[in-house]
């Protein structure tokens, strides 16, 4: 199990947070997603290192991953 922390830019409300948690949470191999809107950071538990796939999902949702 890997724990990934990714900074996200462009989130401004709880709808943004929920939309990203849903999009990332639907990826195969992702076990848990927690997004801290105040700090613009996602904490993701995944089976493998899925950093690139998760970054692509964040980008496709209209946000920037750092």
N, C-alpha and C. Protein backbone atom coordinates (compact mmCIF):
# COMPACT_ATOMS: atom_id res chain seq x y z
N UNK A 1 0.85 -1.18 0.00
CA UNK A 1 0.00 0.00 0.00
C UNK A 1 0.89 1.24 0.00
N UNK A 2 0.59 2.16 -0.87
CA UNK A 2 1.32 3.43 -0.96
C UNK A 2 0.41 4.56 -0.49
N UNK A 3 1.01 5.54 0.17
CA UNK A 3 0.29 6.76 0.54
C UNK A 3 0.91 7.90 -0.25
N UNK A 4 0.09 8.54 -1.06
CA UNK A 4 0.55 9.64 -1.91
C UNK A 4 -0.02 10.95 -1.37
N UNK A 5 0.79 11.98 -1.39
CA UNK A 5 0.32 13.32 -1.04
C UNK A 5 0.60 14.20 -2.26
N UNK A 6 -0.46 14.81 -2.77
CA UNK A 6 -0.36 15.63 -3.97
C UNK A 6 -0.98 16.98 -3.70
N UNK A 7 -0.25 18.04 -4.01
CA UNK A 7 -0.79 19.39 -3.90
C UNK A 7 -1.62 19.68 -5.13
N UNK A 8 -2.75 20.33 -4.93
CA UNK A 8 -3.69 20.61 -6.02
C UNK A 8 -4.00 22.09 -6.04
N UNK A 9 -3.94 22.68 -7.23
CA UNK A 9 -4.28 24.09 -7.40
C UNK A 9 -5.59 24.21 -8.16
N UNK A 10 -6.38 25.23 -7.80
CA UNK A 10 -7.60 25.53 -8.53
C UNK A 10 -8.88 25.17 -7.80
N UNK A 11 -8.78 24.52 -6.65
CA UNK A 11 -9.98 24.18 -5.89
C UNK A 11 -10.43 25.41 -5.10
N UNK A 12 -11.75 25.65 -5.07
CA UNK A 12 -12.23 26.83 -4.36
C UNK A 12 -13.43 26.57 -3.46
N UNK A 13 -14.01 25.37 -3.54
CA UNK A 13 -15.21 25.12 -2.75
C UNK A 13 -15.36 23.63 -2.45
N UNK A 14 -16.36 23.32 -1.65
CA UNK A 14 -16.58 21.92 -1.28
C UNK A 14 -17.02 21.08 -2.48
N UNK A 15 -17.64 21.71 -3.48
CA UNK A 15 -18.00 20.98 -4.70
C UNK A 15 -16.74 20.50 -5.42
N UNK A 16 -15.72 21.35 -5.48
CA UNK A 16 -14.44 20.97 -6.10
C UNK A 16 -13.86 19.76 -5.38
N UNK A 17 -13.87 19.82 -4.07
CA UNK A 17 -13.33 18.74 -3.22
C UNK A 17 -14.07 17.44 -3.49
N UNK A 18 -15.39 17.49 -3.48
CA UNK A 18 -16.20 16.29 -3.69
C UNK A 18 -16.00 15.72 -5.08
N UNK A 19 -15.95 16.58 -6.09
CA UNK A 19 -15.77 16.12 -7.47
C UNK A 19 -14.43 15.39 -7.63
N UNK A 20 -13.37 15.94 -7.05
CA UNK A 20 -12.06 15.30 -7.14
C UNK A 20 -12.00 14.01 -6.34
N UNK A 21 -12.56 14.00 -5.15
CA UNK A 21 -12.57 12.77 -4.35
C UNK A 21 -13.29 11.66 -5.10
N UNK A 22 -14.38 11.99 -5.77
CA UNK A 22 -15.12 11.00 -6.54
C UNK A 22 -14.31 10.51 -7.73
N UNK A 23 -13.73 11.43 -8.49
CA UNK A 23 -12.96 11.06 -9.69
C UNK A 23 -11.76 10.19 -9.33
N UNK A 24 -11.02 10.58 -8.32
CA UNK A 24 -9.84 9.81 -7.91
C UNK A 24 -10.26 8.49 -7.27
N UNK A 25 -11.30 8.52 -6.47
CA UNK A 25 -11.77 7.32 -5.77
C UNK A 25 -12.28 6.23 -6.70
N UNK A 26 -12.67 6.59 -7.92
CA UNK A 26 -13.17 5.61 -8.88
C UNK A 26 -12.05 4.88 -9.62
N UNK A 27 -10.81 5.32 -9.47
CA UNK A 27 -9.70 4.67 -10.15
C UNK A 27 -9.43 3.30 -9.53
N UNK A 28 -9.19 2.30 -10.38
CA UNK A 28 -8.83 0.98 -9.88
C UNK A 28 -7.53 1.05 -9.10
N UNK A 29 -7.52 0.49 -7.93
CA UNK A 29 -6.31 0.47 -7.11
C UNK A 29 -6.30 1.53 -6.02
N UNK A 30 -7.21 2.50 -6.09
CA UNK A 30 -7.29 3.54 -5.06
C UNK A 30 -8.18 3.02 -3.93
N UNK A 31 -7.67 3.05 -2.72
CA UNK A 31 -8.41 2.55 -1.55
C UNK A 31 -9.10 3.66 -0.77
N UNK A 32 -8.48 4.84 -0.69
CA UNK A 32 -9.06 5.95 0.07
C UNK A 32 -8.53 7.27 -0.46
N UNK A 33 -9.37 8.30 -0.39
CA UNK A 33 -8.99 9.64 -0.83
C UNK A 33 -9.50 10.63 0.21
N UNK A 34 -8.62 11.51 0.65
CA UNK A 34 -9.01 12.60 1.54
C UNK A 34 -8.41 13.88 0.96
N UNK A 35 -9.25 14.87 0.71
CA UNK A 35 -8.76 16.14 0.20
C UNK A 35 -8.96 17.21 1.26
N UNK A 36 -7.87 17.89 1.56
CA UNK A 36 -7.88 19.00 2.51
C UNK A 36 -8.00 20.29 1.69
N UNK A 37 -9.21 20.84 1.64
CA UNK A 37 -9.48 22.02 0.83
C UNK A 37 -8.69 23.23 1.31
N UNK A 38 -8.55 23.36 2.62
CA UNK A 38 -7.84 24.51 3.19
C UNK A 38 -6.36 24.53 2.79
N UNK A 39 -5.74 23.36 2.75
CA UNK A 39 -4.32 23.26 2.39
C UNK A 39 -4.08 22.84 0.95
N UNK A 40 -5.17 22.64 0.20
CA UNK A 40 -5.08 22.23 -1.21
C UNK A 40 -4.20 21.00 -1.40
N UNK A 41 -4.47 19.98 -0.58
CA UNK A 41 -3.66 18.77 -0.66
C UNK A 41 -4.55 17.53 -0.61
N UNK A 42 -4.17 16.54 -1.44
CA UNK A 42 -4.86 15.26 -1.43
C UNK A 42 -3.97 14.21 -0.78
N UNK A 43 -4.58 13.37 0.03
CA UNK A 43 -3.89 12.21 0.62
C UNK A 43 -4.61 10.99 0.07
N UNK A 44 -3.86 10.15 -0.64
CA UNK A 44 -4.46 9.04 -1.35
C UNK A 44 -3.77 7.74 -0.95
N UNK A 45 -4.56 6.74 -0.60
CA UNK A 45 -4.03 5.40 -0.34
C UNK A 45 -4.32 4.56 -1.57
N UNK A 46 -3.25 3.99 -2.14
CA UNK A 46 -3.39 3.20 -3.35
C UNK A 46 -2.55 1.93 -3.25
N UNK A 47 -2.92 0.93 -4.04
CA UNK A 47 -2.20 -0.33 -4.03
C UNK A 47 -0.79 -0.19 -4.57
N UNK A 48 -0.62 0.62 -5.58
CA UNK A 48 0.67 0.82 -6.23
C UNK A 48 0.95 2.31 -6.35
N UNK A 49 2.12 2.64 -6.89
CA UNK A 49 2.43 4.04 -7.15
C UNK A 49 1.64 4.48 -8.38
N UNK A 50 0.57 5.18 -8.15
CA UNK A 50 -0.34 5.61 -9.22
C UNK A 50 -0.24 7.11 -9.45
N UNK A 51 0.89 7.71 -9.10
CA UNK A 51 1.03 9.16 -9.15
C UNK A 51 0.66 9.74 -10.50
N UNK A 52 1.18 9.18 -11.58
CA UNK A 52 0.92 9.75 -12.91
C UNK A 52 -0.54 9.63 -13.31
N UNK A 53 -1.15 8.50 -13.02
CA UNK A 53 -2.57 8.31 -13.35
C UNK A 53 -3.44 9.28 -12.56
N UNK A 54 -3.10 9.46 -11.29
CA UNK A 54 -3.86 10.39 -10.45
C UNK A 54 -3.67 11.82 -10.91
N UNK A 55 -2.45 12.19 -11.26
CA UNK A 55 -2.20 13.55 -11.78
C UNK A 55 -3.00 13.80 -13.06
N UNK A 56 -3.07 12.81 -13.92
CA UNK A 56 -3.84 12.94 -15.17
C UNK A 56 -5.33 13.12 -14.85
N UNK A 57 -5.83 12.37 -13.89
CA UNK A 57 -7.23 12.48 -13.49
C UNK A 57 -7.53 13.87 -12.93
N UNK A 58 -6.62 14.39 -12.12
CA UNK A 58 -6.79 15.74 -11.56
C UNK A 58 -6.81 16.77 -12.68
N UNK A 59 -5.91 16.63 -13.63
CA UNK A 59 -5.84 17.55 -14.77
C UNK A 59 -7.11 17.49 -15.62
N UNK A 60 -7.59 16.28 -15.88
CA UNK A 60 -8.80 16.11 -16.68
C UNK A 60 -10.03 16.70 -15.98
N UNK A 61 -9.97 16.80 -14.65
CA UNK A 61 -11.08 17.40 -13.89
C UNK A 61 -10.98 18.93 -13.87
N UNK A 62 -9.89 19.48 -14.43
CA UNK A 62 -9.76 20.93 -14.52
C UNK A 62 -8.90 21.58 -13.46
N UNK A 63 -8.11 20.79 -12.76
CA UNK A 63 -7.25 21.31 -11.69
C UNK A 63 -5.79 21.01 -12.02
N UNK A 64 -4.88 21.60 -11.27
CA UNK A 64 -3.45 21.38 -11.49
C UNK A 64 -2.87 20.62 -10.31
N UNK A 65 -2.12 19.57 -10.62
CA UNK A 65 -1.44 18.78 -9.58
C UNK A 65 0.01 19.19 -9.54
N UNK A 66 0.54 19.33 -8.32
CA UNK A 66 1.95 19.68 -8.16
C UNK A 66 2.64 18.61 -7.37
